[in-house]
């Protein structure tokens, strides 16, 4: 789901994905390594007891792929990814 916020020149999208071991994560959405920017990655448990900012662990490595090799294991939980699409040419 992509949402354009008023006052921002770029589309901002949020996607919720099932967590897994550290490494490459394929996310739902339209994330592209050429120009899109990660805004945040949150590690969230279903009961919201865990709700941690792990953005610094991740980089965009390909289409709909982010990677946190040697980072946090989110197995059994979720990651909430917020990103901005590349500026229109």
N, C-alpha and C. Protein backbone atom coordinates (compact mmCIF):
# COMPACT_ATOMS: atom_id res chain seq x y z
N UNK A 1 0.85 -1.17 0.00
CA UNK A 1 0.00 0.00 0.00
C UNK A 1 0.89 1.23 0.00
N UNK A 2 0.69 2.10 -0.92
CA UNK A 2 1.45 3.34 -0.98
C UNK A 2 0.53 4.52 -0.66
N UNK A 3 1.05 5.46 0.09
CA UNK A 3 0.29 6.63 0.48
C UNK A 3 1.11 7.86 0.17
N UNK A 4 0.50 8.86 -0.44
CA UNK A 4 1.18 10.13 -0.67
C UNK A 4 0.72 11.10 0.41
N UNK A 5 1.66 11.62 1.17
CA UNK A 5 1.33 12.56 2.24
C UNK A 5 1.40 13.99 1.73
N UNK A 6 0.47 14.81 2.15
CA UNK A 6 0.47 16.22 1.75
C UNK A 6 1.74 16.91 2.21
N UNK A 7 2.29 17.72 1.35
CA UNK A 7 3.48 18.48 1.70
C UNK A 7 4.78 17.76 1.39
N UNK A 8 4.70 16.49 1.04
CA UNK A 8 5.91 15.74 0.69
C UNK A 8 5.97 15.59 -0.83
N UNK A 9 7.15 15.76 -1.40
CA UNK A 9 7.28 15.67 -2.85
C UNK A 9 7.39 14.23 -3.37
N UNK A 10 7.40 13.25 -2.47
CA UNK A 10 7.58 11.85 -2.87
C UNK A 10 6.51 10.96 -2.24
N UNK A 11 6.20 9.87 -2.92
CA UNK A 11 5.28 8.88 -2.38
C UNK A 11 5.97 8.15 -1.24
N UNK A 12 5.24 7.97 -0.14
CA UNK A 12 5.75 7.24 1.01
C UNK A 12 4.92 5.97 1.14
N UNK A 13 5.59 4.83 1.28
CA UNK A 13 4.91 3.54 1.38
C UNK A 13 5.27 2.85 2.68
N UNK A 14 4.32 2.07 3.19
CA UNK A 14 4.52 1.29 4.40
C UNK A 14 4.09 -0.14 4.10
N UNK A 15 4.89 -1.11 4.52
CA UNK A 15 4.54 -2.51 4.33
C UNK A 15 4.88 -3.30 5.60
N UNK A 16 4.02 -4.24 5.94
CA UNK A 16 4.23 -5.11 7.10
C UNK A 16 4.59 -6.49 6.58
N UNK A 17 5.68 -7.03 7.09
CA UNK A 17 6.19 -8.32 6.61
C UNK A 17 6.51 -9.24 7.76
N UNK A 18 6.40 -10.53 7.53
CA UNK A 18 6.74 -11.53 8.54
C UNK A 18 8.25 -11.49 8.77
N UNK A 19 8.64 -11.49 10.03
CA UNK A 19 10.06 -11.45 10.37
C UNK A 19 10.74 -12.77 10.10
N UNK A 20 12.06 -12.75 10.10
CA UNK A 20 12.87 -13.96 9.86
C UNK A 20 14.28 -13.73 10.38
N UNK A 21 15.12 -14.71 10.16
CA UNK A 21 16.52 -14.59 10.58
C UNK A 21 17.17 -13.40 9.87
N UNK A 22 18.23 -12.88 10.46
CA UNK A 22 18.97 -11.79 9.84
C UNK A 22 19.45 -12.20 8.45
N UNK A 23 19.49 -11.24 7.55
CA UNK A 23 19.89 -11.49 6.17
C UNK A 23 18.93 -10.78 5.22
N UNK A 24 18.81 -11.31 4.02
CA UNK A 24 17.95 -10.69 3.01
C UNK A 24 16.48 -10.93 3.35
N UNK A 25 15.70 -9.86 3.28
CA UNK A 25 14.25 -9.92 3.50
C UNK A 25 13.57 -9.43 2.22
N UNK A 26 12.70 -10.24 1.66
CA UNK A 26 11.88 -9.81 0.53
C UNK A 26 10.61 -9.20 1.11
N UNK A 27 10.32 -7.97 0.73
CA UNK A 27 9.15 -7.28 1.28
C UNK A 27 8.08 -7.12 0.21
N UNK A 28 6.84 -6.95 0.67
CA UNK A 28 5.74 -6.62 -0.23
C UNK A 28 5.88 -5.14 -0.56
N UNK A 29 5.55 -4.78 -1.77
CA UNK A 29 5.59 -3.37 -2.13
C UNK A 29 6.26 -3.13 -3.46
N UNK A 30 6.82 -1.95 -3.60
CA UNK A 30 7.45 -1.52 -4.85
C UNK A 30 8.75 -0.81 -4.52
N UNK A 31 9.57 -1.44 -3.71
CA UNK A 31 10.84 -0.86 -3.27
C UNK A 31 11.90 -1.10 -4.33
N UNK A 32 12.57 -0.06 -4.76
CA UNK A 32 13.57 -0.16 -5.82
C UNK A 32 14.89 0.42 -5.32
N UNK A 33 15.97 -0.32 -5.51
CA UNK A 33 17.29 0.11 -5.02
C UNK A 33 17.79 1.36 -5.71
N UNK A 34 17.25 1.70 -6.87
CA UNK A 34 17.75 2.87 -7.60
C UNK A 34 16.94 4.12 -7.27
N UNK A 35 17.21 4.68 -6.11
CA UNK A 35 16.61 5.97 -5.77
C UNK A 35 15.64 5.97 -4.60
N UNK A 36 15.05 4.83 -4.25
CA UNK A 36 14.16 4.79 -3.10
C UNK A 36 15.00 4.89 -1.82
N UNK A 37 14.38 5.37 -0.76
CA UNK A 37 15.10 5.60 0.50
C UNK A 37 14.34 4.96 1.65
N UNK A 38 15.04 4.18 2.48
CA UNK A 38 14.43 3.64 3.69
C UNK A 38 14.22 4.77 4.68
N UNK A 39 13.03 4.88 5.21
CA UNK A 39 12.75 5.86 6.26
C UNK A 39 12.86 5.18 7.62
N UNK A 40 12.25 3.98 7.73
CA UNK A 40 12.37 3.25 8.99
C UNK A 40 12.07 1.77 8.79
N UNK A 41 12.66 0.97 9.67
CA UNK A 41 12.34 -0.45 9.78
C UNK A 41 12.12 -0.69 11.27
N UNK A 42 10.93 -1.18 11.63
CA UNK A 42 10.58 -1.46 13.01
C UNK A 42 10.39 -2.94 13.21
N UNK A 43 10.92 -3.46 14.30
CA UNK A 43 10.73 -4.85 14.71
C UNK A 43 9.58 -4.85 15.71
N UNK A 44 8.45 -5.49 15.32
CA UNK A 44 7.23 -5.42 16.13
C UNK A 44 6.70 -6.83 16.37
N UNK A 45 6.36 -7.12 17.63
CA UNK A 45 5.73 -8.40 17.95
C UNK A 45 4.22 -8.23 17.85
N UNK A 46 3.50 -9.36 17.70
CA UNK A 46 2.05 -9.31 17.55
C UNK A 46 1.37 -8.66 18.76
N UNK A 47 1.96 -8.78 19.94
CA UNK A 47 1.38 -8.17 21.14
C UNK A 47 1.93 -6.77 21.41
N UNK A 48 2.80 -6.27 20.55
CA UNK A 48 3.41 -4.94 20.62
C UNK A 48 4.34 -4.75 21.81
N UNK A 49 4.67 -5.84 22.52
CA UNK A 49 5.66 -5.75 23.60
C UNK A 49 7.01 -5.37 23.00
N UNK A 50 7.34 -5.99 21.86
CA UNK A 50 8.54 -5.60 21.12
C UNK A 50 8.14 -4.57 20.08
N UNK A 51 8.78 -3.43 20.11
CA UNK A 51 8.54 -2.37 19.12
C UNK A 51 9.83 -1.55 19.07
N UNK A 52 10.78 -2.02 18.24
CA UNK A 52 12.12 -1.44 18.24
C UNK A 52 12.50 -0.91 16.86
N UNK A 53 13.21 0.20 16.86
CA UNK A 53 13.74 0.78 15.62
C UNK A 53 15.03 0.05 15.26
N UNK A 54 15.02 -0.67 14.14
CA UNK A 54 16.23 -1.38 13.68
C UNK A 54 16.66 -0.89 12.29
N UNK A 55 16.26 0.33 11.95
CA UNK A 55 16.54 0.90 10.63
C UNK A 55 18.03 0.87 10.30
N UNK A 56 18.88 1.21 11.25
CA UNK A 56 20.32 1.31 11.00
C UNK A 56 20.93 -0.01 10.54
N UNK A 57 20.27 -1.12 10.82
CA UNK A 57 20.78 -2.43 10.41
C UNK A 57 20.56 -2.73 8.93
N UNK A 58 19.66 -2.02 8.29
CA UNK A 58 19.20 -2.39 6.95
C UNK A 58 19.73 -1.50 5.84
N UNK A 59 19.86 -2.11 4.66
CA UNK A 59 20.10 -1.37 3.42
C UNK A 59 19.24 -2.00 2.33
N UNK A 60 18.94 -1.21 1.32
CA UNK A 60 18.20 -1.72 0.17
C UNK A 60 19.22 -2.38 -0.75
N UNK A 61 19.00 -3.65 -1.07
CA UNK A 61 19.98 -4.38 -1.87
C UNK A 61 19.44 -4.82 -3.23
N UNK A 62 18.17 -4.64 -3.48
CA UNK A 62 17.58 -5.02 -4.76
C UNK A 62 16.11 -4.70 -4.77
N UNK A 63 15.43 -5.06 -5.85
CA UNK A 63 14.00 -4.79 -5.95
C UNK A 63 13.26 -5.56 -4.85
N UNK A 64 12.54 -4.82 -4.01
CA UNK A 64 11.79 -5.39 -2.88
C UNK A 64 12.65 -6.21 -1.93
N UNK A 65 13.93 -5.89 -1.85
CA UNK A 65 14.83 -6.62 -0.96
C UNK A 65 15.61 -5.65 -0.07
N UNK A 66 15.55 -5.92 1.23
CA UNK A 66 16.38 -5.20 2.20
C UNK A 66 17.21 -6.25 2.94
N UNK A 67 18.35 -5.84 3.47
CA UNK A 67 19.26 -6.81 4.10
C UNK A 67 19.80 -6.27 5.41
N UNK A 68 19.85 -7.14 6.41
CA UNK A 68 20.46 -6.80 7.70
C UNK A 68 21.36 -7.95 8.16
N UNK A 69 22.21 -8.42 7.25
CA UNK A 69 23.13 -9.51 7.59
C UNK A 69 23.83 -9.20 8.91
N UNK A 70 23.86 -10.17 9.81
CA UNK A 70 24.44 -10.05 11.16
C UNK A 70 23.64 -9.11 12.05
N UNK A 71 22.39 -8.83 11.68
CA UNK A 71 21.54 -7.95 12.48
C UNK A 71 20.56 -8.73 13.35
N UNK A 72 19.47 -8.09 13.68
CA UNK A 72 18.46 -8.64 14.57
C UNK A 72 17.67 -9.77 13.91
N UNK A 73 17.47 -10.85 14.64
CA UNK A 73 16.62 -11.95 14.21
C UNK A 73 15.18 -11.59 14.59
N UNK A 74 14.29 -11.46 13.62
CA UNK A 74 12.90 -11.06 13.88
C UNK A 74 11.93 -12.23 13.70
N UNK A 75 12.44 -13.46 13.70
CA UNK A 75 11.62 -14.65 13.53
C UNK A 75 10.49 -14.66 14.56
N UNK A 76 9.28 -14.96 14.10
CA UNK A 76 8.12 -15.02 14.99
C UNK A 76 7.47 -13.68 15.21
N UNK A 77 8.05 -12.62 14.67
CA UNK A 77 7.51 -11.27 14.80
C UNK A 77 7.33 -10.67 13.41
N UNK A 78 7.32 -9.37 13.33
CA UNK A 78 7.09 -8.67 12.07
C UNK A 78 8.10 -7.54 11.91
N UNK A 79 8.30 -7.13 10.65
CA UNK A 79 9.02 -5.89 10.39
C UNK A 79 8.07 -4.96 9.64
N UNK A 80 8.06 -3.72 10.07
CA UNK A 80 7.25 -2.69 9.44
C UNK A 80 8.22 -1.76 8.73
N UNK A 81 8.15 -1.75 7.40
CA UNK A 81 9.11 -1.01 6.58
C UNK A 81 8.43 0.21 5.98
N UNK A 82 9.02 1.38 6.21
CA UNK A 82 8.52 2.62 5.62
C UNK A 82 9.61 3.15 4.70
N UNK A 83 9.22 3.48 3.46
CA UNK A 83 10.21 3.99 2.51
C UNK A 83 9.60 5.05 1.61
N UNK A 84 10.48 5.89 1.04
CA UNK A 84 10.06 6.93 0.11
C UNK A 84 10.51 6.53 -1.27
N UNK A 85 9.60 6.66 -2.22
CA UNK A 85 9.91 6.36 -3.62
C UNK A 85 10.84 7.44 -4.16
N UNK A 86 11.61 7.08 -5.19
CA UNK A 86 12.51 8.04 -5.83
C UNK A 86 11.69 9.22 -6.34
N UNK A 87 12.31 10.37 -6.31
CA UNK A 87 11.66 11.58 -6.83
C UNK A 87 11.37 11.40 -8.32
N UNK A 88 10.22 11.88 -8.74
CA UNK A 88 9.86 11.79 -10.16
C UNK A 88 10.83 12.59 -10.99
N UNK A 89 11.17 12.06 -12.14
CA UNK A 89 12.13 12.74 -13.03
C UNK A 89 11.47 13.88 -13.77
